[in-house]
Amino acid sequence: FEDPSDYCVLKNDWPYGFEPGIFHIVVWTRTPIATDDTVGDMTPESR
């Protein structure tokens, strides 16, 4: 997310079941986001 050319902000085609007024967006990045080696959650730095 440092360079705008490396990420893309899109509306989610398949949002979860939300009450009215809540909108779902997905930000895609071609720069990998670091995760841990257990369940694949983010590291403190990447968070």
ModelCIF file with pLDDT and N, C-alpha, C, O atoms, coordinates in Angstrom:
data_MODEL
#
_entry.id   MODEL 
#
_entity.id                         1 
_entity.type                       polymer 
_entity.pdbx_number_of_molecules   1 
#
_entity_poly.entity_id                      1 
_entity_poly.type                           'polypeptide(L)' 
_entity_poly.nstd_linkage                   no 
_entity_poly.nstd_monomer                   no 
_entity_poly.pdbx_seq_one_letter_code       FEDPSDYCVLKNDWPYGFEPGIFHIVVWTRTPIATDDTVGDMTPESR 
_entity_poly.pdbx_seq_one_letter_code_can   FEDPSDYCVLKNDWPYGFEPGIFHIVVWTRTPIATDDTVGDMTPESR 
_entity_poly.pdbx_strand_id                 A 
#
loop_
_entity_poly_seq.entity_id 
_entity_poly_seq.num 
_entity_poly_seq.mon_id 
_entity_poly_seq.hetero 
1 1  PHE n 
1 2  GLU n 
1 3  ASP n 
1 4  PRO n 
1 5  SER n 
1 6  ASP n 
1 7  TYR n 
1 8  CYS n 
1 9  VAL n 
1 10 LEU n 
1 11 LYS n 
1 12 ASN n 
1 13 ASP n 
1 14 TRP n 
1 15 PRO n 
1 16 TYR n 
1 17 GLY n 
1 18 PHE n 
1 19 GLU n 
1 20 PRO n 
1 21 GLY n 
1 22 ILE n 
1 23 PHE n 
1 24 HIS n 
1 25 ILE n 
1 26 VAL n 
1 27 VAL n 
1 28 TRP n 
1 29 THR n 
1 30 ARG n 
1 31 THR n 
1 32 PRO n 
1 33 ILE n 
1 34 ALA n 
1 35 THR n 
1 36 ASP n 
1 37 ASP n 
1 38 THR n 
1 39 VAL n 
1 40 GLY n 
1 41 ASP n 
1 42 MET n 
1 43 THR n 
1 44 PRO n 
1 45 GLU n 
1 46 SER n 
1 47 ARG n 
#
_struct_asym.id          A 
_struct_asym.entity_id   1 
#
loop_
_ma_qa_metric.id 
_ma_qa_metric.mode 
_ma_qa_metric.name 
_ma_qa_metric.software_group_id 
_ma_qa_metric.type 
1 global pLDDT . pLDDT 
2 local  pLDDT . pLDDT 
#
_ma_qa_metric_global.metric_id      1 
_ma_qa_metric_global.metric_value   93.72 
_ma_qa_metric_global.model_id       1 
_ma_qa_metric_global.ordinal_id     1 
#
loop_
_ma_qa_metric_local.label_asym_id 
_ma_qa_metric_local.label_comp_id 
_ma_qa_metric_local.label_seq_id 
_ma_qa_metric_local.metric_id 
_ma_qa_metric_local.metric_value 
_ma_qa_metric_local.model_id 
_ma_qa_metric_local.ordinal_id 
A PHE 1  2 98.00 1 1  
A GLU 2  2 98.00 1 2  
A ASP 3  2 98.00 1 3  
A PRO 4  2 97.00 1 4  
A SER 5  2 97.00 1 5  
A ASP 6  2 98.00 1 6  
A TYR 7  2 98.00 1 7  
A CYS 8  2 98.00 1 8  
A VAL 9  2 98.00 1 9  
A LEU 10 2 98.00 1 10 
A LYS 11 2 98.00 1 11 
A ASN 12 2 96.00 1 12 
A ASP 13 2 95.00 1 13 
A TRP 14 2 95.00 1 14 
A PRO 15 2 97.00 1 15 
A TYR 16 2 97.00 1 16 
A GLY 17 2 98.00 1 17 
A PHE 18 2 98.00 1 18 
A GLU 19 2 98.00 1 19 
A PRO 20 2 97.00 1 20 
A GLY 21 2 98.00 1 21 
A ILE 22 2 98.00 1 22 
A PHE 23 2 98.00 1 23 
A HIS 24 2 98.00 1 24 
A ILE 25 2 98.00 1 25 
A VAL 26 2 97.00 1 26 
A VAL 27 2 98.00 1 27 
A TRP 28 2 97.00 1 28 
A THR 29 2 97.00 1 29 
A ARG 30 2 96.00 1 30 
A THR 31 2 97.00 1 31 
A PRO 32 2 93.00 1 32 
A ILE 33 2 94.00 1 33 
A ALA 34 2 92.00 1 34 
A THR 35 2 88.00 1 35 
A ASP 36 2 85.00 1 36 
A ASP 37 2 75.00 1 37 
A THR 38 2 74.00 1 38 
A VAL 39 2 70.00 1 39 
A GLY 40 2 74.00 1 40 
A ASP 41 2 82.00 1 41 
A MET 42 2 89.00 1 42 
A THR 43 2 91.00 1 43 
A PRO 44 2 93.00 1 44 
A GLU 45 2 96.00 1 45 
A SER 46 2 95.00 1 46 
A ARG 47 2 95.00 1 47 
#
loop_
_atom_site.group_PDB 
_atom_site.id 
_atom_site.type_symbol 
_atom_site.label_atom_id 
_atom_site.label_alt_id 
_atom_site.label_comp_id 
_atom_site.label_asym_id 
_atom_site.label_entity_id 
_atom_site.label_seq_id 
_atom_site.pdbx_PDB_ins_code 
_atom_site.Cartn_x 
_atom_site.Cartn_y 
_atom_site.Cartn_z 
_atom_site.occupancy 
_atom_site.B_iso_or_equiv 
_atom_site.pdbx_formal_charge 
_atom_site.auth_seq_id 
_atom_site.auth_comp_id 
_atom_site.auth_asym_id 
_atom_site.auth_atom_id 
_atom_site.pdbx_PDB_model_num 
ATOM 1   N N  . PHE A 1 1  ? 0.802   -1.235  0.000  1.00 98.00 ? 1  PHE A N  1 
ATOM 2   C CA . PHE A 1 1  ? 0.000   0.000   0.000  1.00 98.00 ? 1  PHE A CA 1 
ATOM 3   C C  . PHE A 1 1  ? 0.829   1.276   0.000  1.00 98.00 ? 1  PHE A C  1 
ATOM 4   O O  . PHE A 1 1  ? 0.299   2.354   0.270  1.00 98.00 ? 1  PHE A O  1 
ATOM 5   N N  . GLU A 1 2  ? 2.111   1.172   -0.296 1.00 98.00 ? 2  GLU A N  1 
ATOM 6   C CA . GLU A 1 2  ? 2.942   2.379   -0.354 1.00 98.00 ? 2  GLU A CA 1 
ATOM 7   C C  . GLU A 1 2  ? 2.767   3.090   -1.691 1.00 98.00 ? 2  GLU A C  1 
ATOM 8   O O  . GLU A 1 2  ? 2.722   4.320   -1.736 1.00 98.00 ? 2  GLU A O  1 
ATOM 9   N N  . ASP A 1 3  ? 2.665   2.322   -2.788 1.00 98.00 ? 3  ASP A N  1 
ATOM 10  C CA . ASP A 1 3  ? 2.526   2.910   -4.116 1.00 98.00 ? 3  ASP A CA 1 
ATOM 11  C C  . ASP A 1 3  ? 1.145   2.584   -4.671 1.00 98.00 ? 3  ASP A C  1 
ATOM 12  O O  . ASP A 1 3  ? 0.756   1.416   -4.675 1.00 98.00 ? 3  ASP A O  1 
ATOM 13  N N  . PRO A 1 4  ? 0.379   3.589   -5.145 1.00 97.00 ? 4  PRO A N  1 
ATOM 14  C CA . PRO A 1 4  ? -0.978  3.349   -5.639 1.00 97.00 ? 4  PRO A CA 1 
ATOM 15  C C  . PRO A 1 4  ? -1.068  2.336   -6.778 1.00 97.00 ? 4  PRO A C  1 
ATOM 16  O O  . PRO A 1 4  ? -2.103  1.691   -6.946 1.00 97.00 ? 4  PRO A O  1 
ATOM 17  N N  . SER A 1 5  ? -0.006  2.189   -7.556 1.00 97.00 ? 5  SER A N  1 
ATOM 18  C CA . SER A 1 5  ? -0.053  1.229   -8.658 1.00 97.00 ? 5  SER A CA 1 
ATOM 19  C C  . SER A 1 5  ? -0.017  -0.210  -8.163 1.00 97.00 ? 5  SER A C  1 
ATOM 20  O O  . SER A 1 5  ? -0.309  -1.137  -8.919 1.00 97.00 ? 5  SER A O  1 
ATOM 21  N N  . ASP A 1 6  ? 0.344   -0.400  -6.884 1.00 98.00 ? 6  ASP A N  1 
ATOM 22  C CA . ASP A 1 6  ? 0.470   -1.750  -6.337 1.00 98.00 ? 6  ASP A CA 1 
ATOM 23  C C  . ASP A 1 6  ? -0.796  -2.251  -5.652 1.00 98.00 ? 6  ASP A C  1 
ATOM 24  O O  . ASP A 1 6  ? -0.857  -3.412  -5.247 1.00 98.00 ? 6  ASP A O  1 
ATOM 25  N N  . TYR A 1 7  ? -1.815  -1.386  -5.515 1.00 98.00 ? 7  TYR A N  1 
ATOM 26  C CA . TYR A 1 7  ? -3.045  -1.855  -4.892 1.00 98.00 ? 7  TYR A CA 1 
ATOM 27  C C  . TYR A 1 7  ? -4.260  -1.373  -5.687 1.00 98.00 ? 7  TYR A C  1 
ATOM 28  O O  . TYR A 1 7  ? -4.194  -0.385  -6.418 1.00 98.00 ? 7  TYR A O  1 
ATOM 29  N N  . CYS A 1 8  ? -5.345  -2.083  -5.527 1.00 98.00 ? 8  CYS A N  1 
ATOM 30  C CA . CYS A 1 8  ? -6.561  -1.825  -6.290 1.00 98.00 ? 8  CYS A CA 1 
ATOM 31  C C  . CYS A 1 8  ? -7.765  -1.954  -5.363 1.00 98.00 ? 8  CYS A C  1 
ATOM 32  O O  . CYS A 1 8  ? -7.920  -2.968  -4.683 1.00 98.00 ? 8  CYS A O  1 
ATOM 33  N N  . VAL A 1 9  ? -8.612  -0.935  -5.335 1.00 98.00 ? 9  VAL A N  1 
ATOM 34  C CA . VAL A 1 9  ? -9.771  -0.903  -4.441 1.00 98.00 ? 9  VAL A CA 1 
ATOM 35  C C  . VAL A 1 9  ? -11.033 -1.222  -5.254 1.00 98.00 ? 9  VAL A C  1 
ATOM 36  O O  . VAL A 1 9  ? -11.378 -0.495  -6.185 1.00 98.00 ? 9  VAL A O  1 
ATOM 37  N N  . LEU A 1 10 ? -11.711 -2.308  -4.895 1.00 98.00 ? 10 LEU A N  1 
ATOM 38  C CA . LEU A 1 10 ? -12.882 -2.756  -5.644 1.00 98.00 ? 10 LEU A CA 1 
ATOM 39  C C  . LEU A 1 10 ? -14.059 -3.023  -4.713 1.00 98.00 ? 10 LEU A C  1 
ATOM 40  O O  . LEU A 1 10 ? -13.874 -3.351  -3.541 1.00 98.00 ? 10 LEU A O  1 
ATOM 41  N N  . LYS A 1 11 ? -15.261 -2.881  -5.243 1.00 98.00 ? 11 LYS A N  1 
ATOM 42  C CA . LYS A 1 11 ? -16.449 -3.303  -4.512 1.00 98.00 ? 11 LYS A CA 1 
ATOM 43  C C  . LYS A 1 11 ? -16.461 -4.812  -4.456 1.00 98.00 ? 11 LYS A C  1 
ATOM 44  O O  . LYS A 1 11 ? -16.088 -5.475  -5.424 1.00 98.00 ? 11 LYS A O  1 
ATOM 45  N N  . ASN A 1 12 ? -16.888 -5.363  -3.329 1.00 96.00 ? 12 ASN A N  1 
ATOM 46  C CA . ASN A 1 12 ? -16.958 -6.813  -3.183 1.00 96.00 ? 12 ASN A CA 1 
ATOM 47  C C  . ASN A 1 12 ? -18.183 -7.335  -3.924 1.00 96.00 ? 12 ASN A C  1 
ATOM 48  O O  . ASN A 1 12 ? -19.306 -6.907  -3.659 1.00 96.00 ? 12 ASN A O  1 
ATOM 49  N N  . ASP A 1 13 ? -17.959 -8.266  -4.859 1.00 95.00 ? 13 ASP A N  1 
ATOM 50  C CA . ASP A 1 13 ? -19.066 -8.831  -5.632 1.00 95.00 ? 13 ASP A CA 1 
ATOM 51  C C  . ASP A 1 13 ? -19.964 -9.718  -4.787 1.00 95.00 ? 13 ASP A C  1 
ATOM 52  O O  . ASP A 1 13 ? -21.143 -9.888  -5.099 1.00 95.00 ? 13 ASP A O  1 
ATOM 53  N N  . TRP A 1 14 ? -19.413 -10.288 -3.712 1.00 95.00 ? 14 TRP A N  1 
ATOM 54  C CA . TRP A 1 14 ? -20.172 -11.235 -2.888 1.00 95.00 ? 14 TRP A CA 1 
ATOM 55  C C  . TRP A 1 14 ? -20.046 -10.868 -1.412 1.00 95.00 ? 14 TRP A C  1 
ATOM 56  O O  . TRP A 1 14 ? -19.376 -11.572 -0.656 1.00 95.00 ? 14 TRP A O  1 
ATOM 57  N N  . PRO A 1 15 ? -20.683 -9.773  -0.996 1.00 97.00 ? 15 PRO A N  1 
ATOM 58  C CA . PRO A 1 15 ? -20.576 -9.343  0.404  1.00 97.00 ? 15 PRO A CA 1 
ATOM 59  C C  . PRO A 1 15 ? -21.305 -10.291 1.350  1.00 97.00 ? 15 PRO A C  1 
ATOM 60  O O  . PRO A 1 15 ? -22.136 -11.098 0.932  1.00 97.00 ? 15 PRO A O  1 
ATOM 61  N N  . TYR A 1 16 ? -20.981 -10.177 2.613  1.00 97.00 ? 16 TYR A N  1 
ATOM 62  C CA . TYR A 1 16 ? -21.687 -10.947 3.641  1.00 97.00 ? 16 TYR A CA 1 
ATOM 63  C C  . TYR A 1 16 ? -23.063 -10.317 3.881  1.00 97.00 ? 16 TYR A C  1 
ATOM 64  O O  . TYR A 1 16 ? -23.397 -9.284  3.300  1.00 97.00 ? 16 TYR A O  1 
ATOM 65  N N  . GLY A 1 17 ? -23.842 -10.950 4.736  1.00 98.00 ? 17 GLY A N  1 
ATOM 66  C CA . GLY A 1 17 ? -25.195 -10.475 4.994  1.00 98.00 ? 17 GLY A CA 1 
ATOM 67  C C  . GLY A 1 17 ? -25.205 -9.348  6.012  1.00 98.00 ? 17 GLY A C  1 
ATOM 68  O O  . GLY A 1 17 ? -25.201 -9.594  7.218  1.00 98.00 ? 17 GLY A O  1 
ATOM 69  N N  . PHE A 1 18 ? -25.219 -8.113  5.528  1.00 98.00 ? 18 PHE A N  1 
ATOM 70  C CA . PHE A 1 18 ? -25.154 -6.947  6.396  1.00 98.00 ? 18 PHE A CA 1 
ATOM 71  C C  . PHE A 1 18 ? -26.495 -6.222  6.441  1.00 98.00 ? 18 PHE A C  1 
ATOM 72  O O  . PHE A 1 18 ? -27.311 -6.326  5.526  1.00 98.00 ? 18 PHE A O  1 
ATOM 73  N N  . GLU A 1 19 ? -26.699 -5.489  7.524  1.00 98.00 ? 19 GLU A N  1 
ATOM 74  C CA . GLU A 1 19 ? -27.848 -4.603  7.594  1.00 98.00 ? 19 GLU A CA 1 
ATOM 75  C C  . GLU A 1 19 ? -27.656 -3.447  6.607  1.00 98.00 ? 19 GLU A C  1 
ATOM 76  O O  . GLU A 1 19 ? -26.525 -3.148  6.225  1.00 98.00 ? 19 GLU A O  1 
ATOM 77  N N  . PRO A 1 20 ? -28.755 -2.790  6.188  1.00 97.00 ? 20 PRO A N  1 
ATOM 78  C CA . PRO A 1 20 ? -28.635 -1.668  5.237  1.00 97.00 ? 20 PRO A CA 1 
ATOM 79  C C  . PRO A 1 20 ? -27.686 -0.589  5.753  1.00 97.00 ? 20 PRO A C  1 
ATOM 80  O O  . PRO A 1 20 ? -27.608 -0.327  6.954  1.00 97.00 ? 20 PRO A O  1 
ATOM 81  N N  . GLY A 1 21 ? -26.966 0.030   4.815  1.00 98.00 ? 21 GLY A N  1 
ATOM 82  C CA . GLY A 1 21 ? -26.043 1.102   5.161  1.00 98.00 ? 21 GLY A CA 1 
ATOM 83  C C  . GLY A 1 21 ? -24.611 0.652   5.318  1.00 98.00 ? 21 GLY A C  1 
ATOM 84  O O  . GLY A 1 21 ? -23.710 1.481   5.446  1.00 98.00 ? 21 GLY A O  1 
ATOM 85  N N  . ILE A 1 22 ? -24.381 -0.678  5.310  1.00 98.00 ? 22 ILE A N  1 
ATOM 86  C CA . ILE A 1 22 ? -23.014 -1.211  5.446  1.00 98.00 ? 22 ILE A CA 1 
ATOM 87  C C  . ILE A 1 22 ? -22.547 -1.687  4.078  1.00 98.00 ? 22 ILE A C  1 
ATOM 88  O O  . ILE A 1 22 ? -23.229 -2.473  3.421  1.00 98.00 ? 22 ILE A O  1 
ATOM 89  N N  . PHE A 1 23 ? -21.382 -1.208  3.652  1.00 98.00 ? 23 PHE A N  1 
ATOM 90  C CA . PHE A 1 23 ? -20.864 -1.525  2.317  1.00 98.00 ? 23 PHE A CA 1 
ATOM 91  C C  . PHE A 1 23 ? -19.531 -2.252  2.443  1.00 98.00 ? 23 PHE A C  1 
ATOM 92  O O  . PHE A 1 23 ? -18.721 -1.947  3.318  1.00 98.00 ? 23 PHE A O  1 
ATOM 93  N N  . HIS A 1 24 ? -19.316 -3.226  1.548  1.00 98.00 ? 24 HIS A N  1 
ATOM 94  C CA . HIS A 1 24 ? -18.157 -4.112  1.611  1.00 98.00 ? 24 HIS A CA 1 
ATOM 95  C C  . HIS A 1 24 ? -17.215 -3.827  0.444  1.00 98.00 ? 24 HIS A C  1 
ATOM 96  O O  . HIS A 1 24 ? -17.604 -3.913  -0.721 1.00 98.00 ? 24 HIS A O  1 
ATOM 97  N N  . ILE A 1 25 ? -15.986 -3.490  0.773  1.00 98.00 ? 25 ILE A N  1 
ATOM 98  C CA . ILE A 1 25 ? -14.944 -3.184  -0.203 1.00 98.00 ? 25 ILE A CA 1 
ATOM 99  C C  . ILE A 1 25 ? -13.784 -4.157  -0.002 1.00 98.00 ? 25 ILE A C  1 
ATOM 100 O O  . ILE A 1 25 ? -13.520 -4.592  1.119  1.00 98.00 ? 25 ILE A O  1 
ATOM 101 N N  . VAL A 1 26 ? -13.092 -4.499  -1.097 1.00 97.00 ? 26 VAL A N  1 
ATOM 102 C CA . VAL A 1 26 ? -11.888 -5.333  -1.009 1.00 97.00 ? 26 VAL A CA 1 
ATOM 103 C C  . VAL A 1 26 ? -10.720 -4.568  -1.625 1.00 97.00 ? 26 VAL A C  1 
ATOM 104 O O  . VAL A 1 26 ? -10.827 -4.042  -2.733 1.00 97.00 ? 26 VAL A O  1 
ATOM 105 N N  . VAL A 1 27 ? -9.614  -4.512  -0.903 1.00 98.00 ? 27 VAL A N  1 
ATOM 106 C CA . VAL A 1 27 ? -8.403  -3.867  -1.412 1.00 98.00 ? 27 VAL A CA 1 
ATOM 107 C C  . VAL A 1 27 ? -7.408  -4.972  -1.768 1.00 98.00 ? 27 VAL A C  1 
ATOM 108 O O  . VAL A 1 27 ? -6.930  -5.701  -0.898 1.00 98.00 ? 27 VAL A O  1 
ATOM 109 N N  . TRP A 1 28 ? -7.106  -5.081  -3.056 1.00 97.00 ? 28 TRP A N  1 
ATOM 110 C CA . TRP A 1 28 ? -6.178  -6.096  -3.550 1.00 97.00 ? 28 TRP A CA 1 
ATOM 111 C C  . TRP A 1 28 ? -4.786  -5.494  -3.677 1.00 97.00 ? 28 TRP A C  1 
ATOM 112 O O  . TRP A 1 28 ? -4.641  -4.328  -4.045 1.00 97.00 ? 28 TRP A O  1 
ATOM 113 N N  . THR A 1 29 ? -3.772  -6.280  -3.376 1.00 97.00 ? 29 THR A N  1 
ATOM 114 C CA . THR A 1 29 ? -2.401  -5.784  -3.453 1.00 97.00 ? 29 THR A CA 1 
ATOM 115 C C  . THR A 1 29 ? -1.499  -6.806  -4.131 1.00 97.00 ? 29 THR A C  1 
ATOM 116 O O  . THR A 1 29 ? -1.556  -8.001  -3.844 1.00 97.00 ? 29 THR A O  1 
ATOM 117 N N  . ARG A 1 30 ? -0.664  -6.303  -5.040 1.00 96.00 ? 30 ARG A N  1 
ATOM 118 C CA . ARG A 1 30 ? 0.301   -7.219  -5.658 1.00 96.00 ? 30 ARG A CA 1 
ATOM 119 C C  . ARG A 1 30 ? 1.585   -7.308  -4.836 1.00 96.00 ? 30 ARG A C  1 
ATOM 120 O O  . ARG A 1 30 ? 2.462   -8.115  -5.142 1.00 96.00 ? 30 ARG A O  1 
ATOM 121 N N  . THR A 1 31 ? 1.698   -6.481  -3.793 1.00 97.00 ? 31 THR A N  1 
ATOM 122 C CA . THR A 1 31 ? 2.797   -6.623  -2.844 1.00 97.00 ? 31 THR A CA 1 
ATOM 123 C C  . THR A 1 31 ? 2.341   -7.533  -1.720 1.00 97.00 ? 31 THR A C  1 
ATOM 124 O O  . THR A 1 31 ? 1.351   -7.217  -1.060 1.00 97.00 ? 31 THR A O  1 
ATOM 125 N N  . PRO A 1 32 ? 3.012   -8.641  -1.471 1.00 93.00 ? 32 PRO A N  1 
ATOM 126 C CA . PRO A 1 32 ? 2.566   -9.580  -0.436 1.00 93.00 ? 32 PRO A CA 1 
ATOM 127 C C  . PRO A 1 32 ? 2.504   -8.936  0.948  1.00 93.00 ? 32 PRO A C  1 
ATOM 128 O O  . PRO A 1 32 ? 3.323   -8.084  1.292  1.00 93.00 ? 32 PRO A O  1 
ATOM 129 N N  . ILE A 1 33 ? 1.516   -9.363  1.732  1.00 94.00 ? 33 ILE A N  1 
ATOM 130 C CA . ILE A 1 33 ? 1.372   -8.934  3.125  1.00 94.00 ? 33 ILE A CA 1 
ATOM 131 C C  . ILE A 1 33 ? 1.915   -10.056 4.011  1.00 94.00 ? 33 ILE A C  1 
ATOM 132 O O  . ILE A 1 33 ? 1.428   -11.185 3.950  1.00 94.00 ? 33 ILE A O  1 
ATOM 133 N N  . ALA A 1 34 ? 2.900   -9.757  4.815  1.00 92.00 ? 34 ALA A N  1 
ATOM 134 C CA . ALA A 1 34 ? 3.556   -10.785 5.626  1.00 92.00 ? 34 ALA A CA 1 
ATOM 135 C C  . ALA A 1 34 ? 2.589   -11.415 6.618  1.00 92.00 ? 34 ALA A C  1 
ATOM 136 O O  . ALA A 1 34 ? 1.796   -10.717 7.250  1.00 92.00 ? 34 ALA A O  1 
ATOM 137 N N  . THR A 1 35 ? 2.656   -12.746 6.755  1.00 88.00 ? 35 THR A N  1 
ATOM 138 C CA . THR A 1 35 ? 1.839   -13.475 7.725  1.00 88.00 ? 35 THR A CA 1 
ATOM 139 C C  . THR A 1 35 ? 2.734   -14.402 8.540  1.00 88.00 ? 35 THR A C  1 
ATOM 140 O O  . THR A 1 35 ? 3.889   -14.648 8.194  1.00 88.00 ? 35 THR A O  1 
ATOM 141 N N  . ASP A 1 36 ? 2.164   -14.909 9.637  1.00 85.00 ? 36 ASP A N  1 
ATOM 142 C CA . ASP A 1 36 ? 2.938   -15.825 10.476 1.00 85.00 ? 36 ASP A CA 1 
ATOM 143 C C  . ASP A 1 36 ? 2.901   -17.234 9.887  1.00 85.00 ? 36 ASP A C  1 
ATOM 144 O O  . ASP A 1 36 ? 2.303   -17.462 8.836  1.00 85.00 ? 36 ASP A O  1 
ATOM 145 N N  . ASP A 1 37 ? 3.538   -18.163 10.568 1.00 75.00 ? 37 ASP A N  1 
ATOM 146 C CA . ASP A 1 37 ? 3.642   -19.528 10.051 1.00 75.00 ? 37 ASP A CA 1 
ATOM 147 C C  . ASP A 1 37 ? 2.648   -20.482 10.686 1.00 75.00 ? 37 ASP A C  1 
ATOM 148 O O  . ASP A 1 37 ? 2.758   -21.693 10.495 1.00 75.00 ? 37 ASP A O  1 
ATOM 149 N N  . THR A 1 38 ? 1.679   -19.971 11.438 1.00 74.00 ? 38 THR A N  1 
ATOM 150 C CA . THR A 1 38 ? 0.711   -20.853 12.095 1.00 74.00 ? 38 THR A CA 1 
ATOM 151 C C  . THR A 1 38 ? -0.594  -20.861 11.302 1.00 74.00 ? 38 THR A C  1 
ATOM 152 O O  . THR A 1 38 ? -0.748  -21.667 10.385 1.00 74.00 ? 38 THR A O  1 
ATOM 153 N N  . VAL A 1 39 ? -1.537  -19.974 11.639 1.00 70.00 ? 39 VAL A N  1 
ATOM 154 C CA . VAL A 1 39 ? -2.804  -19.940 10.901 1.00 70.00 ? 39 VAL A CA 1 
ATOM 155 C C  . VAL A 1 39 ? -2.738  -18.974 9.720  1.00 70.00 ? 39 VAL A C  1 
ATOM 156 O O  . VAL A 1 39 ? -3.727  -18.807 9.005  1.00 70.00 ? 39 VAL A O  1 
ATOM 157 N N  . GLY A 1 40 ? -1.586  -18.337 9.506  1.00 74.00 ? 40 GLY A N  1 
ATOM 158 C CA . GLY A 1 40 ? -1.470  -17.405 8.392  1.00 74.00 ? 40 GLY A CA 1 
ATOM 159 C C  . GLY A 1 40 ? -2.054  -16.047 8.700  1.00 74.00 ? 40 GLY A C  1 
ATOM 160 O O  . GLY A 1 40 ? -2.479  -15.338 7.787  1.00 74.00 ? 40 GLY A O  1 
ATOM 161 N N  . ASP A 1 41 ? -2.087  -15.662 9.978  1.00 82.00 ? 41 ASP A N  1 
ATOM 162 C CA . ASP A 1 41 ? -2.565  -14.340 10.346 1.00 82.00 ? 41 ASP A CA 1 
ATOM 163 C C  . ASP A 1 41 ? -1.433  -13.330 10.139 1.00 82.00 ? 41 ASP A C  1 
ATOM 164 O O  . ASP A 1 41 ? -0.272  -13.715 9.999  1.00 82.00 ? 41 ASP A O  1 
ATOM 165 N N  . MET A 1 42 ? -1.767  -12.059 10.122 1.00 89.00 ? 42 MET A N  1 
ATOM 166 C CA . MET A 1 42 ? -0.770  -11.020 9.903  1.00 89.00 ? 42 MET A CA 1 
ATOM 167 C C  . MET A 1 42 ? 0.234   -10.941 11.038 1.00 89.00 ? 42 MET A C  1 
ATOM 168 O O  . MET A 1 42 ? -0.075  -11.253 12.188 1.00 89.00 ? 42 MET A O  1 
ATOM 169 N N  . THR A 1 43 ? 1.431   -10.521 10.698 1.00 91.00 ? 43 THR A N  1 
ATOM 170 C CA . THR A 1 43 ? 2.426   -10.240 11.721 1.00 91.00 ? 43 THR A CA 1 
ATOM 171 C C  . THR A 1 43 ? 2.115   -8.871  12.323 1.00 91.00 ? 43 THR A C  1 
ATOM 172 O O  . THR A 1 43 ? 1.391   -8.087  11.708 1.00 91.00 ? 43 THR A O  1 
ATOM 173 N N  . PRO A 1 44 ? 2.640   -8.566  13.499 1.00 93.00 ? 44 PRO A N  1 
ATOM 174 C CA . PRO A 1 44 ? 2.412   -7.231  14.085 1.00 93.00 ? 44 PRO A CA 1 
ATOM 175 C C  . PRO A 1 44 ? 2.858   -6.102  13.154 1.00 93.00 ? 44 PRO A C  1 
ATOM 176 O O  . PRO A 1 44 ? 2.206   -5.061  13.081 1.00 93.00 ? 44 PRO A O  1 
ATOM 177 N N  . GLU A 1 45 ? 3.960   -6.309  12.451 1.00 96.00 ? 45 GLU A N  1 
ATOM 178 C CA . GLU A 1 45 ? 4.460   -5.264  11.554 1.00 96.00 ? 45 GLU A CA 1 
ATOM 179 C C  . GLU A 1 45 ? 3.519   -5.051  10.373 1.00 96.00 ? 45 GLU A C  1 
ATOM 180 O O  . GLU A 1 45 ? 3.207   -3.914  10.020 1.00 96.00 ? 45 GLU A O  1 
ATOM 181 N N  . SER A 1 46 ? 3.067   -6.149  9.762  1.00 95.00 ? 46 SER A N  1 
ATOM 182 C CA . SER A 1 46 ? 2.182   -5.994  8.609  1.00 95.00 ? 46 SER A CA 1 
ATOM 183 C C  . SER A 1 46 ? 0.806   -5.471  9.032  1.00 95.00 ? 46 SER A C  1 
ATOM 184 O O  . SER A 1 46 ? 0.151   -4.764  8.266  1.00 95.00 ? 46 SER A O  1 
ATOM 185 N N  . ARG A 1 47 ? 0.369   -5.810  10.234 1.00 95.00 ? 47 ARG A N  1 
ATOM 186 C CA . ARG A 1 47 ? -0.909  -5.284  10.730 1.00 95.00 ? 47 ARG A CA 1 
ATOM 187 C C  . ARG A 1 47 ? -0.850  -3.759  10.864 1.00 95.00 ? 47 ARG A C  1 
ATOM 188 O O  . ARG A 1 47 ? -1.833  -3.137  11.267 1.00 95.00 ? 47 ARG A O  1 
#
